[in-house]
Amino acid sequence: MEEIKKAIIEYAETSKKTKFYFKDMEKAVQSKVPGAKSRDIKKAASELVNEGTLIYFSTGSTTMYGLKGRGITEDK
């Protein structure tokens, strides 16, 4: 699980976009951790949100993820 979290954070820090969809994050993590299952990635992402490392960004129709403090990801 820690390896998956590390891959998520690395993707969030190096991604060209400050907000990203779960599917994009999932592909990036699976390239770093080949055995990672979608369910485990989702669980790790939720833990990172609960820890305050990642935040959710809702567009109304879909939910995206963002690294807290990177880009315009927080409500004013």
C-alpha atoms as a PDB file:
ATOM      1  CA  MET A   1       0.000   0.000   0.000  1.00  0.00           C
ATOM      2  CA  GLU A   2       2.862   2.388   0.804  1.00  0.00           C
ATOM      3  CA  GLU A   3       4.378   1.718  -2.611  1.00  0.00           C
ATOM      4  CA  ILE A   4       1.077   2.639  -4.272  1.00  0.00           C
ATOM      5  CA  LYS A   5       0.765   5.827  -2.184  1.00  0.00           C
ATOM      6  CA  LYS A   6       4.301   6.789  -3.152  1.00  0.00           C
ATOM      7  CA  ALA A   7       3.490   6.269  -6.851  1.00  0.00           C
ATOM      8  CA  ILE A   8       0.308   8.367  -6.539  1.00  0.00           C
ATOM      9  CA  ILE A   9       2.178  11.246  -4.896  1.00  0.00           C
ATOM     10  CA  GLU A  10       4.941  11.048  -7.495  1.00  0.00           C
ATOM     11  CA  TYR A  11       2.361  11.193 -10.301  1.00  0.00           C
ATOM     12  CA  ALA A  12       0.560  14.126  -8.659  1.00  0.00           C
ATOM     13  CA  GLU A  13       3.811  16.070  -8.292  1.00  0.00           C
ATOM     14  CA  THR A  14       5.095  15.442 -11.817  1.00  0.00           C
ATOM     15  CA  SER A  15       1.840  15.543 -13.775  1.00  0.00           C
ATOM     16  CA  LYS A  16       1.468  18.414 -16.234  1.00  0.00           C
ATOM     17  CA  LYS A  17      -2.082  18.921 -14.991  1.00  0.00           C
ATOM     18  CA  THR A  18      -2.848  19.961 -11.420  1.00  0.00           C
ATOM     19  CA  LYS A  19      -6.154  18.056 -11.410  1.00  0.00           C
ATOM     20  CA  PHE A  20      -6.525  14.574 -12.812  1.00  0.00           C
ATOM     21  CA  TYR A  21      -9.034  11.793 -13.210  1.00  0.00           C
ATOM     22  CA  PHE A  22      -8.785   8.505 -11.351  1.00  0.00           C
ATOM     23  CA  LYS A  23      -8.230   6.593 -14.612  1.00  0.00           C
ATOM     24  CA  ASP A  24      -5.163   8.729 -15.434  1.00  0.00           C
ATOM     25  CA  MET A  25      -3.765   8.210 -11.954  1.00  0.00           C
ATOM     26  CA  GLU A  26      -4.517   4.486 -12.163  1.00  0.00           C
ATOM     27  CA  LYS A  27      -2.543   4.101 -15.419  1.00  0.00           C
ATOM     28  CA  ALA A  28       0.437   5.967 -13.968  1.00  0.00           C
ATOM     29  CA  VAL A  29       0.464   3.873 -10.801  1.00  0.00           C
ATOM     30  CA  GLN A  30       0.131   0.602 -12.721  1.00  0.00           C
ATOM     31  CA  SER A  31       3.136   1.538 -14.841  1.00  0.00           C
ATOM     32  CA  LYS A  32       5.216   1.935 -11.647  1.00  0.00           C
ATOM     33  CA  VAL A  33       3.588  -0.882  -9.637  1.00  0.00           C
ATOM     34  CA  PRO A  34       2.543  -3.487 -12.230  1.00  0.00           C
ATOM     35  CA  GLY A  35       0.554  -5.679  -9.805  1.00  0.00           C
ATOM     36  CA  ALA A  36      -1.550  -2.823  -8.414  1.00  0.00           C
ATOM     37  CA  LYS A  37      -5.282  -3.425  -8.634  1.00  0.00           C
ATOM     38  CA  SER A  38      -7.809  -0.651  -9.226  1.00  0.00           C
ATOM     39  CA  ARG A  39      -9.402  -1.263  -5.831  1.00  0.00           C
ATOM     40  CA  ASP A  40      -6.058  -0.910  -4.009  1.00  0.00           C
ATOM     41  CA  ILE A  41      -5.255   2.312  -5.879  1.00  0.00           C
ATOM     42  CA  LYS A  42      -8.674   3.740  -4.978  1.00  0.00           C
ATOM     43  CA  LYS A  43      -8.142   2.777  -1.331  1.00  0.00           C
ATOM     44  CA  ALA A  44      -4.658   4.352  -1.265  1.00  0.00           C
ATOM     45  CA  ALA A  45      -5.995   7.550  -2.889  1.00  0.00           C
ATOM     46  CA  SER A  46      -8.779   7.750  -0.291  1.00  0.00           C
ATOM     47  CA  GLU A  47      -6.222   7.358   2.503  1.00  0.00           C
ATOM     48  CA  LEU A  48      -4.147  10.180   0.996  1.00  0.00           C
ATOM     49  CA  VAL A  49      -7.265  12.379   0.898  1.00  0.00           C
ATOM     50  CA  ASN A  50      -7.989  11.568   4.547  1.00  0.00           C
ATOM     51  CA  GLU A  51      -4.370  12.385   5.458  1.00  0.00           C
ATOM     52  CA  GLY A  52      -4.674  15.730   3.668  1.00  0.00           C
ATOM     53  CA  THR A  53      -2.086  15.031   0.962  1.00  0.00           C
ATOM     54  CA  LEU A  54      -4.590  14.860  -1.901  1.00  0.00           C
ATOM     55  CA  ILE A  55      -7.896  16.675  -2.261  1.00  0.00           C
ATOM     56  CA  TYR A  56     -11.036  15.993  -4.229  1.00  0.00           C
ATOM     57  CA  PHE A  57     -12.149  18.469  -6.868  1.00  0.00           C
ATOM     58  CA  SER A  58     -15.720  18.170  -8.046  1.00  0.00           C
ATOM     59  CA  THR A  59     -16.850  19.583 -11.374  1.00  0.00           C
ATOM     60  CA  GLY A  60     -20.448  18.709 -10.606  1.00  0.00           C
ATOM     61  CA  SER A  61     -20.576  15.757 -12.956  1.00  0.00           C
ATOM     62  CA  THR A  62     -17.305  14.083 -12.052  1.00  0.00           C
ATOM     63  CA  THR A  63     -14.715  14.029  -9.294  1.00  0.00           C
ATOM     64  CA  MET A  64     -11.052  14.691  -9.891  1.00  0.00           C
ATOM     65  CA  TYR A  65      -8.026  14.490  -7.627  1.00  0.00           C
ATOM     66  CA  GLY A  66      -5.392  17.126  -6.981  1.00  0.00           C
ATOM     67  CA  LEU A  67      -2.284  17.516  -4.850  1.00  0.00           C
ATOM     68  CA  LYS A  68      -3.072  19.878  -2.004  1.00  0.00           C
ATOM     69  CA  GLY A  69      -1.361  23.231  -2.539  1.00  0.00           C
ATOM     70  CA  ARG A  70      -0.493  22.620  -6.202  1.00  0.00           C
ATOM     71  CA  GLY A  71      -2.309  24.812  -8.684  1.00  0.00           C
ATOM     72  CA  ILE A  72      -5.779  26.199  -8.089  1.00  0.00           C
ATOM     73  CA  THR A  73      -7.219  23.235  -6.247  1.00  0.00           C
ATOM     74  CA  GLU A  74      -8.840  24.788  -3.202  1.00  0.00           C
ATOM     75  CA  ASP A  75     -12.051  26.750  -2.801  1.00  0.00           C
ATOM     76  CA  LYS A  76     -11.570  30.400  -1.977  1.00  0.00           C
END
